[in-house]
């Protein structure tokens, strides 16, 4: 990577090549810079979170390469000027079980870290798994119970659109549609001239 940067600098700004050559790209330096970038993003998100009038959460749990369950917590908030902030707030490792209480603990810890209160929580989006959307002991029910303690607040529950599409694809027989689409795509992509003509046709149709 550093050799590539030096080659580019030699062409674009040869007078600055010596400065690029002094860049340190050791493992420790790169790790430290990544930590600094992460800290800056978190500080910015904390500052914006203090001005949220309302916010919502999108939650997803999946395993990583080491088979450790990770709870991804996405935060979306809006301030009084209707400026929307959307960011990955945390990736919480779940070392043992992935029950609703474990998920709740990770969410609560994240909200406390960013200074967010349940009084401003307006909605939660999940993939519909029992640990998230269980009627009795799911995470959403636990969040709704917490919001009811601080006031008459209704937290709206949403189902992830991607998972909805997956469920629809399993239920509906779309072979008659997909076969035609695949055939058309293969016809266009199989020949360079057809692909270029299609691109030109697409550009003209957009302009008109």
Protein backbone atom coordinates (compact mmCIF):
# COMPACT_ATOMS: atom_id res chain seq x y z
CA UNK A 1 0.00 0.00 0.00
CA UNK A 2 2.76 2.44 0.91
CA UNK A 3 4.63 1.73 -2.32
CA UNK A 4 1.48 2.50 -4.31
CA UNK A 5 1.01 5.77 -2.42
CA UNK A 6 4.60 6.79 -3.16
CA UNK A 7 4.18 5.99 -6.87
CA UNK A 8 1.01 8.10 -7.02
CA UNK A 9 2.70 10.94 -5.13
CA UNK A 10 5.65 10.80 -7.54
CA UNK A 11 3.24 11.56 -10.40
CA UNK A 12 0.72 13.90 -8.78
CA UNK A 13 2.86 15.85 -6.31
CA UNK A 14 6.55 14.90 -6.58
CA UNK A 15 7.56 17.71 -4.21
CA UNK A 16 5.56 15.95 -1.42
CA UNK A 17 6.90 12.45 -2.06
CA UNK A 18 9.34 12.63 0.84
CA UNK A 19 6.49 13.33 3.26
CA UNK A 20 4.54 10.30 2.03
CA UNK A 21 7.67 8.18 2.43
CA UNK A 22 7.76 9.10 6.13
CA UNK A 23 4.27 7.74 6.77
CA UNK A 24 4.24 4.96 9.31
CA UNK A 25 1.97 2.05 8.40
CA UNK A 26 2.99 -0.37 11.10
CA UNK A 27 0.38 -2.58 12.73
CA UNK A 28 0.37 -0.55 15.95
CA UNK A 29 0.08 2.77 14.10
CA UNK A 30 -2.82 1.60 11.93
CA UNK A 31 -4.60 0.12 14.96
CA UNK A 32 -4.17 3.37 16.89
CA UNK A 33 -5.53 5.44 14.01
CA UNK A 34 -8.54 3.18 13.65
CA UNK A 35 -9.23 3.57 17.37
CA UNK A 36 -8.94 7.36 17.03
CA UNK A 37 -11.38 7.37 14.11
CA UNK A 38 -13.82 5.18 16.04
CA UNK A 39 -13.59 7.46 19.09
CA UNK A 40 -14.25 10.50 16.93
CA UNK A 41 -17.33 8.90 15.35
CA UNK A 42 -18.64 7.93 18.79
CA UNK A 43 -18.08 11.43 20.21
CA UNK A 44 -19.90 12.97 17.24
CA UNK A 45 -22.81 10.57 17.64
CA UNK A 46 -22.99 11.26 21.38
CA UNK A 47 -23.13 15.01 20.71
CA UNK A 48 -25.92 14.62 18.16
CA UNK A 49 -27.82 12.20 20.39
CA UNK A 50 -28.16 14.88 23.07
CA UNK A 51 -30.34 16.85 20.64
CA UNK A 52 -32.59 14.00 19.52
CA UNK A 53 -36.28 14.70 19.90
CA UNK A 54 -37.06 11.10 18.97
CA UNK A 55 -35.01 8.10 17.96
CA UNK A 56 -35.55 4.53 16.78
CA UNK A 57 -33.49 1.36 16.83
CA UNK A 58 -32.80 -1.33 14.25
CA UNK A 59 -31.48 -4.55 15.75
CA UNK A 60 -29.95 -7.65 14.23
CA UNK A 61 -28.10 -10.60 15.72
CA UNK A 62 -25.75 -12.86 13.79
CA UNK A 63 -22.57 -14.88 14.30
CA UNK A 64 -19.07 -13.83 13.24
CA UNK A 65 -16.17 -15.93 11.93
CA UNK A 66 -15.38 -17.16 15.46
CA UNK A 67 -19.01 -18.23 16.09
CA UNK A 68 -19.51 -15.40 18.58
CA UNK A 69 -22.99 -13.89 18.42
CA UNK A 70 -22.92 -10.16 17.68
CA UNK A 71 -25.81 -7.78 18.32
CA UNK A 72 -25.75 -4.92 15.81
CA UNK A 73 -27.53 -1.81 17.08
CA UNK A 74 -28.34 0.85 14.49
CA UNK A 75 -29.49 4.23 15.73
CA UNK A 76 -31.65 6.70 13.81
CA UNK A 77 -32.61 10.00 15.40
CA UNK A 78 -34.10 13.36 14.46
CA UNK A 79 -33.56 16.71 16.18
CA UNK A 80 -35.79 19.78 16.41
CA UNK A 81 -34.54 21.01 13.02
CA UNK A 82 -35.55 17.70 11.40
CA UNK A 83 -31.92 16.77 10.79
CA UNK A 84 -31.71 12.98 10.64
CA UNK A 85 -28.72 11.05 11.98
CA UNK A 86 -28.33 7.38 11.19
CA UNK A 87 -25.34 5.37 12.40
CA UNK A 88 -24.20 1.99 13.66
CA UNK A 89 -24.13 2.72 17.39
CA UNK A 90 -22.61 -0.53 18.66
CA UNK A 91 -21.70 -4.10 17.89
CA UNK A 92 -22.22 -5.95 21.16
CA UNK A 93 -20.67 -9.45 21.50
CA UNK A 94 -22.91 -11.98 23.22
CA UNK A 95 -20.51 -14.45 24.78
CA UNK A 96 -23.04 -16.92 26.16
CA UNK A 97 -26.78 -17.10 25.45
CA UNK A 98 -28.74 -14.89 23.06
CA UNK A 99 -31.99 -14.68 24.98
CA UNK A 100 -34.16 -11.59 25.20
CA UNK A 101 -32.60 -10.59 28.55
CA UNK A 102 -29.10 -10.77 27.05
CA UNK A 103 -30.20 -8.61 24.12
CA UNK A 104 -31.89 -6.17 26.49
CA UNK A 105 -28.70 -5.84 28.51
CA UNK A 106 -26.73 -4.95 25.37
CA UNK A 107 -29.31 -2.40 24.24
CA UNK A 108 -29.53 -0.79 27.67
CA UNK A 109 -25.77 -0.51 27.94
CA UNK A 110 -25.58 1.17 24.53
CA UNK A 111 -28.38 3.63 25.26
CA UNK A 112 -26.75 4.60 28.56
CA UNK A 113 -23.42 5.13 26.81
CA UNK A 114 -24.99 7.63 24.42
CA UNK A 115 -27.15 9.27 27.05
CA UNK A 116 -30.43 8.22 25.42
CA UNK A 117 -33.60 7.80 27.45
CA UNK A 118 -36.61 5.57 26.88
CA UNK A 119 -38.90 8.61 26.84
CA UNK A 120 -37.64 9.44 23.33
CA UNK A 121 -37.76 5.93 21.89
CA UNK A 122 -40.37 5.77 19.12
CA UNK A 123 -39.78 2.51 17.23
CA UNK A 124 -37.83 -0.75 17.02
CA UNK A 125 -37.09 -2.77 13.89
CA UNK A 126 -36.07 -6.44 14.17
CA UNK A 127 -35.91 -9.54 11.99
CA UNK A 128 -38.89 -11.13 13.75
CA UNK A 129 -36.89 -13.81 15.60
CA UNK A 130 -38.53 -15.06 18.85
CA UNK A 131 -35.79 -13.51 21.01
CA UNK A 132 -36.65 -10.12 19.49
CA UNK A 133 -40.37 -10.27 18.76
CA UNK A 134 -41.67 -12.90 21.18
CA UNK A 135 -45.20 -12.07 22.35
CA UNK A 136 -44.37 -12.61 26.04
CA UNK A 137 -40.64 -12.35 26.66
CA UNK A 138 -39.20 -10.86 23.47
CA UNK A 139 -36.85 -7.89 23.46
CA UNK A 140 -39.53 -5.60 22.06
CA UNK A 141 -41.86 -6.50 24.93
CA UNK A 142 -39.09 -5.72 27.40
CA UNK A 143 -38.48 -2.34 25.75
CA UNK A 144 -42.19 -1.56 25.78
CA UNK A 145 -42.31 -2.45 29.47
CA UNK A 146 -39.46 -0.02 30.19
CA UNK A 147 -41.11 2.81 28.24
CA UNK A 148 -44.39 2.23 30.07
CA UNK A 149 -42.57 2.82 33.37
CA UNK A 150 -41.47 6.33 32.33
CA UNK A 151 -44.75 7.42 30.75
CA UNK A 152 -47.61 6.58 28.42
CA UNK A 153 -45.32 5.93 25.46
CA UNK A 154 -46.17 3.67 22.54
CA UNK A 155 -43.13 2.06 20.90
CA UNK A 156 -43.93 0.98 17.35
CA UNK A 157 -42.63 -2.40 16.25
CA UNK A 158 -41.48 -3.02 12.68
CA UNK A 159 -40.36 -6.10 10.79
CA UNK A 160 -37.18 -5.85 8.71
CA UNK A 161 -38.08 -5.31 5.04
CA UNK A 162 -35.33 -7.65 3.79
CA UNK A 163 -36.64 -10.52 5.87
CA UNK A 164 -40.17 -9.76 4.68
CA UNK A 165 -39.01 -10.03 1.07
CA UNK A 166 -37.33 -13.34 1.88
CA UNK A 167 -40.51 -14.70 3.43
CA UNK A 168 -42.56 -13.55 0.43
CA UNK A 169 -40.12 -15.18 -1.98
CA UNK A 170 -40.52 -18.48 -0.16
CA UNK A 171 -44.31 -18.26 -0.16
CA UNK A 172 -44.87 -17.03 -3.73
CA UNK A 173 -44.00 -18.95 -6.88
CA UNK A 174 -42.18 -16.40 -9.05
CA UNK A 175 -40.47 -18.80 -11.44
CA UNK A 176 -42.45 -17.51 -14.40
CA UNK A 177 -41.18 -13.98 -13.70
CA UNK A 178 -37.63 -14.79 -12.68
CA UNK A 179 -36.97 -17.01 -15.70
CA UNK A 180 -37.81 -14.15 -18.07
CA UNK A 181 -35.70 -11.67 -16.08
CA UNK A 182 -32.69 -14.00 -15.97
CA UNK A 183 -33.01 -14.73 -19.67
CA UNK A 184 -33.08 -11.01 -20.55
CA UNK A 185 -30.12 -10.21 -18.28
CA UNK A 186 -28.06 -13.05 -19.74
CA UNK A 187 -28.92 -11.93 -23.28
CA UNK A 188 -27.68 -8.39 -22.55
CA UNK A 189 -24.57 -9.35 -20.63
CA UNK A 190 -23.43 -12.11 -22.95
CA UNK A 191 -22.36 -9.68 -25.67
CA UNK A 192 -20.38 -6.47 -25.19
CA UNK A 193 -22.19 -4.57 -27.93
CA UNK A 194 -25.61 -5.39 -26.51
CA UNK A 195 -24.48 -4.25 -23.07
CA UNK A 196 -23.18 -0.92 -24.40
CA UNK A 197 -26.35 -0.37 -26.41
CA UNK A 198 -28.46 -1.10 -23.34
CA UNK A 199 -26.42 1.39 -21.27
CA UNK A 200 -26.94 4.08 -23.92
CA UNK A 201 -30.66 3.30 -24.06
CA UNK A 202 -30.88 3.53 -20.28
CA UNK A 203 -29.11 6.92 -20.20
CA UNK A 204 -31.40 8.33 -22.91
CA UNK A 205 -34.52 7.05 -21.14
CA UNK A 206 -33.44 8.73 -17.89
CA UNK A 207 -32.77 12.05 -19.62
CA UNK A 208 -36.19 11.98 -21.25
